[in-house]
Amino acid sequence: MDMDAAYSNTDHVPGAADYPPRWAAAAAAFRRDLGQRAALDLPYGDHPRARFDLFHPEGAPRGLVVFVHGGYWKAFDKSTWSHLAAGPLAHGWAVAMPSYPLCPEVRIAEITQAFAAAVPAMAALVDGPIRLAGHSAGGHLVARMAAPGMLPAAVAARLARIVPISPVADLAPLMQTSMNETLGIDAAEAAAESPLHQPAPGVPVTVWVGAAELPAFLDQAERLADAWGADRHAAEGRHHFDVIEPLAEPGGDLTRALLA
């Protein structure tokens, strides 16, 4: 099997190059329109990318939603996805979106630890339950937060739901791709950093994937859901790049699943 092709969403999705600028424009407009309810570039660590944005609903928040971006741990930052906060915000939830250090400057294990530091910093600013959602590599990161001892006990106790969206749950296949020249995954890291090998968490999990995604991502989602005994949903007609779009809609199916 050509593993590069198996994991190349850019080659699989028609008009793939059009998505990032479209996302960035929508995100910038969202931040502009939200005005003072958008708190930007809040620090959670010393690294220049250890920053998060926090979007406040009207009135007291019901809790905190965290959305973590994808990009195979080597691309993008928080500024591209702000508009995806619209759905949860409309239901009264505050929404935080972090950036994180990227490969090859750091290893994936270090990104996991960076996000584990970000969650308590974000949680300190909003009371109530916490719901984690992440896309692709971000799906890996939110799933890793379910590992025992990953988060402080007081923060872990607030977790109400985790939604890995098109997650990379098993890192081992990526060792056979050319992108591993950047990621640098070895067998030890694949074993330690794959959520598939974690015990099932004691918090509700919904594994979400687009029904029109590459078979590798359908397989990754199915294996994680099976291993954890989690709810799973394959969104009809959705591919890897548009599967996250319903988060921008108050009535979107993904928004409803995250807030269930």
Protein backbone atom coordinates (compact mmCIF):
# COMPACT_ATOMS: atom_id res chain seq x y z
CA MET A 1 0.00 0.00 0.00
CA ASP A 2 1.17 3.54 -0.80
CA MET A 3 1.02 5.04 2.70
CA ASP A 4 1.54 8.58 1.43
CA ALA A 5 -1.60 8.26 -0.67
CA ALA A 6 -3.47 6.55 2.17
CA TYR A 7 -3.02 9.60 4.41
CA SER A 8 -3.00 12.44 1.86
CA ASN A 9 -6.24 14.31 2.40
CA THR A 10 -5.05 17.08 0.11
CA ASP A 11 -4.96 14.68 -2.82
CA HIS A 12 -8.31 13.13 -1.87
CA VAL A 13 -10.48 16.25 -1.42
CA PRO A 14 -11.50 18.17 -4.58
CA GLY A 15 -10.46 21.83 -4.35
CA ALA A 16 -8.39 21.14 -1.24
CA ALA A 17 -6.18 24.21 -1.75
CA ASP A 18 -9.23 26.47 -1.47
CA TYR A 19 -10.08 25.45 2.09
CA PRO A 20 -7.29 27.09 4.17
CA PRO A 21 -7.79 30.63 2.80
CA ARG A 22 -11.57 30.22 3.14
CA TRP A 23 -11.17 29.11 6.75
CA ALA A 24 -8.77 31.95 7.53
CA ALA A 25 -11.12 34.58 6.08
CA ALA A 26 -14.13 33.23 7.97
CA ALA A 27 -12.11 33.08 11.20
CA ALA A 28 -10.87 36.66 10.86
CA ALA A 29 -14.38 37.94 10.18
CA PHE A 30 -15.70 36.03 13.19
CA ARG A 31 -13.12 37.56 15.53
CA ARG A 32 -13.81 41.02 14.17
CA ASP A 33 -17.56 40.66 14.60
CA LEU A 34 -17.26 39.23 18.13
CA GLY A 35 -15.37 42.33 19.28
CA GLN A 36 -14.67 42.48 23.00
CA ARG A 37 -16.04 38.98 23.56
CA ALA A 38 -12.86 37.67 21.90
CA ALA A 39 -9.83 37.51 24.21
CA LEU A 40 -6.84 36.79 21.97
CA ASP A 41 -3.30 35.47 22.43
CA LEU A 42 -3.57 34.48 26.06
CA PRO A 43 -0.44 32.65 27.25
CA TYR A 44 -0.29 29.16 28.70
CA GLY A 45 3.49 28.69 28.48
CA ASP A 46 6.77 30.24 27.40
CA HIS A 47 6.90 29.05 23.79
CA PRO A 48 5.77 31.70 21.24
CA ARG A 49 3.03 29.35 20.07
CA ALA A 50 1.84 28.58 23.62
CA ARG A 51 -1.15 30.89 23.22
CA PHE A 52 -4.90 30.48 23.07
CA ASP A 53 -7.94 32.52 22.11
CA LEU A 54 -11.02 32.55 24.33
CA PHE A 55 -14.43 33.45 22.96
CA HIS A 56 -17.12 34.44 25.44
CA PRO A 57 -20.85 33.90 24.98
CA GLU A 58 -23.41 36.50 25.91
CA GLY A 59 -23.98 36.16 29.63
CA ALA A 60 -22.40 33.69 32.04
CA PRO A 61 -20.98 30.63 30.24
CA ARG A 62 -22.47 27.19 30.78
CA GLY A 63 -18.96 25.75 30.64
CA LEU A 64 -15.95 25.52 28.37
CA VAL A 65 -15.54 23.97 24.93
CA VAL A 66 -11.97 23.52 23.68
CA PHE A 67 -11.32 22.99 19.98
CA VAL A 68 -7.87 21.82 18.85
CA HIS A 69 -6.81 22.19 15.23
CA GLY A 70 -5.22 19.59 12.99
CA GLY A 71 -2.50 19.77 10.36
CA TYR A 72 -0.52 16.60 11.12
CA TRP A 73 1.19 18.34 14.06
CA LYS A 74 3.20 20.41 11.57
CA ALA A 75 0.87 23.10 10.22
CA PHE A 76 -1.73 25.76 11.11
CA ASP A 77 -2.47 27.63 14.31
CA LYS A 78 -5.49 28.80 16.27
CA SER A 79 -6.24 31.79 14.03
CA THR A 80 -7.60 29.67 11.17
CA TRP A 81 -10.54 28.14 13.05
CA SER A 82 -12.19 30.87 15.16
CA HIS A 83 -15.49 30.69 13.26
CA LEU A 84 -16.00 27.11 14.44
CA ALA A 85 -16.77 28.55 17.88
CA ALA A 86 -20.08 29.94 16.63
CA GLY A 87 -22.13 26.82 17.28
CA PRO A 88 -21.20 26.26 20.94
CA LEU A 89 -21.22 30.02 21.63
CA ALA A 90 -24.83 30.23 20.51
CA HIS A 91 -25.69 27.66 23.18
CA GLY A 92 -23.99 29.66 25.92
CA TRP A 93 -20.62 27.89 26.04
CA ALA A 94 -17.28 29.69 26.11
CA VAL A 95 -14.87 28.37 23.49
CA ALA A 96 -11.08 28.22 23.73
CA MET A 97 -8.76 27.47 20.82
CA PRO A 98 -5.04 26.91 21.42
CA SER A 99 -2.02 26.91 19.18
CA TYR A 100 0.85 24.56 20.04
CA PRO A 101 4.51 24.03 19.03
CA LEU A 102 4.91 22.13 15.77
CA CYS A 103 7.12 19.41 14.35
CA PRO A 104 9.99 19.26 13.54
CA GLU A 105 10.91 21.81 16.21
CA VAL A 106 9.39 19.47 18.79
CA ARG A 107 8.25 15.85 18.85
CA ILE A 108 4.62 14.78 19.04
CA ALA A 109 5.09 13.75 22.67
CA GLU A 110 6.11 17.33 23.47
CA ILE A 111 3.01 18.65 21.69
CA THR A 112 0.89 16.38 23.86
CA GLN A 113 2.53 17.80 26.96
CA ALA A 114 2.04 21.36 25.69
CA PHE A 115 -1.66 20.77 25.20
CA ALA A 116 -1.88 19.11 28.62
CA ALA A 117 -0.52 22.39 30.03
CA ALA A 118 -2.94 24.45 27.96
CA VAL A 119 -6.09 22.74 29.24
CA PRO A 120 -5.69 23.79 32.91
CA ALA A 121 -4.79 27.34 31.84
CA MET A 122 -7.94 27.59 29.74
CA ALA A 123 -10.06 25.87 32.39
CA ALA A 124 -8.92 28.37 35.02
CA LEU A 125 -10.75 31.15 33.19
CA VAL A 126 -14.14 29.46 32.83
CA ASP A 127 -16.12 27.59 35.44
CA GLY A 128 -18.24 24.52 34.80
CA PRO A 129 -17.91 21.39 32.68
CA ILE A 130 -15.29 21.04 29.94
CA ARG A 131 -15.85 19.51 26.53
CA LEU A 132 -12.87 18.75 24.28
CA ALA A 133 -13.04 18.50 20.50
CA GLY A 134 -10.13 18.17 18.10
CA HIS A 135 -9.74 17.53 14.40
CA SER A 136 -7.26 15.05 12.88
CA ALA A 137 -4.01 15.65 14.80
CA GLY A 138 -6.17 17.66 17.19
CA GLY A 139 -8.35 14.58 17.55
CA HIS A 140 -5.25 12.72 18.67
CA LEU A 141 -4.48 15.42 21.22
CA VAL A 142 -7.93 15.54 22.82
CA ALA A 143 -7.99 11.74 22.98
CA ARG A 144 -4.60 11.77 24.73
CA MET A 145 -6.08 13.95 27.47
CA ALA A 146 -8.18 10.94 28.52
CA ALA A 147 -5.05 9.03 29.57
CA PRO A 148 -4.77 8.53 33.34
CA GLY A 149 -2.80 11.31 34.99
CA MET A 150 -2.55 13.46 31.86
CA LEU A 151 -4.55 16.31 33.41
CA PRO A 152 -4.66 17.52 37.01
CA ALA A 153 -7.34 15.64 38.91
CA ALA A 154 -9.50 18.72 39.44
CA VAL A 155 -9.49 19.48 35.72
CA ALA A 156 -10.02 15.86 34.66
CA ALA A 157 -13.05 15.71 36.96
CA ARG A 158 -14.67 18.50 34.95
CA LEU A 159 -14.45 16.67 31.62
CA ALA A 160 -17.98 16.11 30.32
CA ARG A 161 -17.28 14.78 26.81
CA ILE A 162 -14.42 14.23 24.38
CA VAL A 163 -15.06 14.32 20.63
CA PRO A 164 -12.09 13.21 18.50
CA ILE A 165 -12.97 14.24 14.93
CA SER A 166 -11.28 12.19 12.19
CA PRO A 167 -8.57 11.36 14.74
CA VAL A 168 -5.17 9.82 14.23
CA ALA A 169 -5.52 7.21 16.95
CA ASP A 170 -2.68 4.93 15.84
CA LEU A 171 0.56 6.71 14.93
CA ALA A 172 2.38 3.62 13.67
CA PRO A 173 1.17 3.81 10.04
CA LEU A 174 2.56 7.35 9.73
CA MET A 175 6.04 5.96 10.21
CA GLN A 176 5.69 4.61 6.64
CA THR A 177 4.88 8.01 5.12
CA SER A 178 7.25 10.64 3.78
CA MET A 179 5.87 13.15 6.29
CA ASN A 180 7.68 11.19 8.99
CA GLU A 181 10.83 13.00 7.86
CA THR A 182 9.19 15.97 9.63
CA LEU A 183 7.32 14.14 12.39
CA GLY A 184 10.16 11.83 13.41
CA ILE A 185 7.88 9.17 14.91
CA ASP A 186 9.70 6.04 16.04
CA ALA A 187 8.26 2.79 17.35
CA ALA A 188 8.52 3.83 20.99
CA GLU A 189 6.72 7.12 20.42
CA ALA A 190 4.05 5.45 18.28
CA ALA A 191 3.32 3.03 21.10
CA ALA A 192 3.33 5.67 23.83
CA GLU A 193 1.46 8.40 21.94
CA SER A 194 -1.31 6.39 20.23
CA PRO A 195 -4.68 6.83 21.99
CA LEU A 196 -5.61 3.40 20.63
CA HIS A 197 -3.34 1.90 23.28
CA GLN A 198 -4.81 3.86 26.19
CA PRO A 199 -7.42 2.39 28.53
CA ALA A 200 -11.00 3.39 27.83
CA PRO A 201 -11.67 6.70 29.59
CA GLY A 202 -14.28 7.20 32.26
CA VAL A 203 -15.84 10.10 30.37
CA PRO A 204 -18.29 10.03 27.45
CA VAL A 205 -16.55 9.91 24.07
CA THR A 206 -18.01 10.38 20.60
CA VAL A 207 -15.66 9.48 17.74
CA TRP A 208 -16.71 11.49 14.68
CA VAL A 209 -15.56 11.01 11.09
CA GLY A 210 -16.74 11.94 7.60
CA ALA A 211 -18.32 9.07 5.72
CA ALA A 212 -16.52 10.22 2.54
CA GLU A 213 -13.06 10.27 4.12
CA LEU A 214 -10.09 8.19 3.11
CA PRO A 215 -10.34 4.54 4.21
CA ALA A 216 -7.37 5.05 6.54
CA PHE A 217 -9.27 7.66 8.54
CA LEU A 218 -12.45 5.61 8.60
CA ASP A 219 -10.37 2.73 9.93
CA GLN A 220 -8.64 4.87 12.54
CA ALA A 221 -11.97 6.18 13.83
CA GLU A 222 -13.56 2.74 13.91
CA ARG A 223 -10.64 1.17 15.75
CA LEU A 224 -10.62 3.88 18.41
CA ALA A 225 -14.38 3.64 18.93
CA ASP A 226 -14.14 -0.15 19.21
CA ALA A 227 -11.19 -0.06 21.60
CA TRP A 228 -12.89 2.43 23.89
CA GLY A 229 -16.47 1.22 23.51
CA ALA A 230 -17.28 4.78 22.43
CA ASP A 231 -20.15 6.25 20.47
CA ARG A 232 -19.27 6.76 16.82
CA HIS A 233 -20.76 8.66 13.92
CA ALA A 234 -19.88 8.78 10.22
CA ALA A 235 -21.23 12.07 8.84
CA GLU A 236 -22.90 11.41 5.51
CA GLY A 237 -21.18 13.06 2.54
CA ARG A 238 -18.50 14.73 4.65
CA HIS A 239 -14.79 14.52 3.85
CA HIS A 240 -11.76 15.38 5.96
CA PHE A 241 -11.91 19.11 5.31
CA ASP A 242 -15.62 19.84 5.63
CA VAL A 243 -16.39 17.41 8.45
CA ILE A 244 -15.74 20.19 11.00
CA GLU A 245 -17.98 22.81 9.38
CA PRO A 246 -21.13 22.00 11.40
CA LEU A 247 -19.37 23.35 14.51
CA ALA A 248 -19.99 26.82 13.06
CA GLU A 249 -23.74 26.15 13.12
CA PRO A 250 -25.85 26.28 16.31
CA GLY A 251 -27.99 23.46 14.93
CA GLY A 252 -25.14 21.52 13.34
CA ASP A 253 -25.05 17.79 14.02
CA LEU A 254 -21.48 18.01 15.28
CA THR A 255 -22.37 20.90 17.59
CA ARG A 256 -25.25 18.88 19.01
CA ALA A 257 -23.04 15.83 19.53
CA LEU A 258 -20.36 17.85 21.31
CA LEU A 259 -22.87 19.48 23.64
CA ALA A 260 -24.97 16.35 24.24
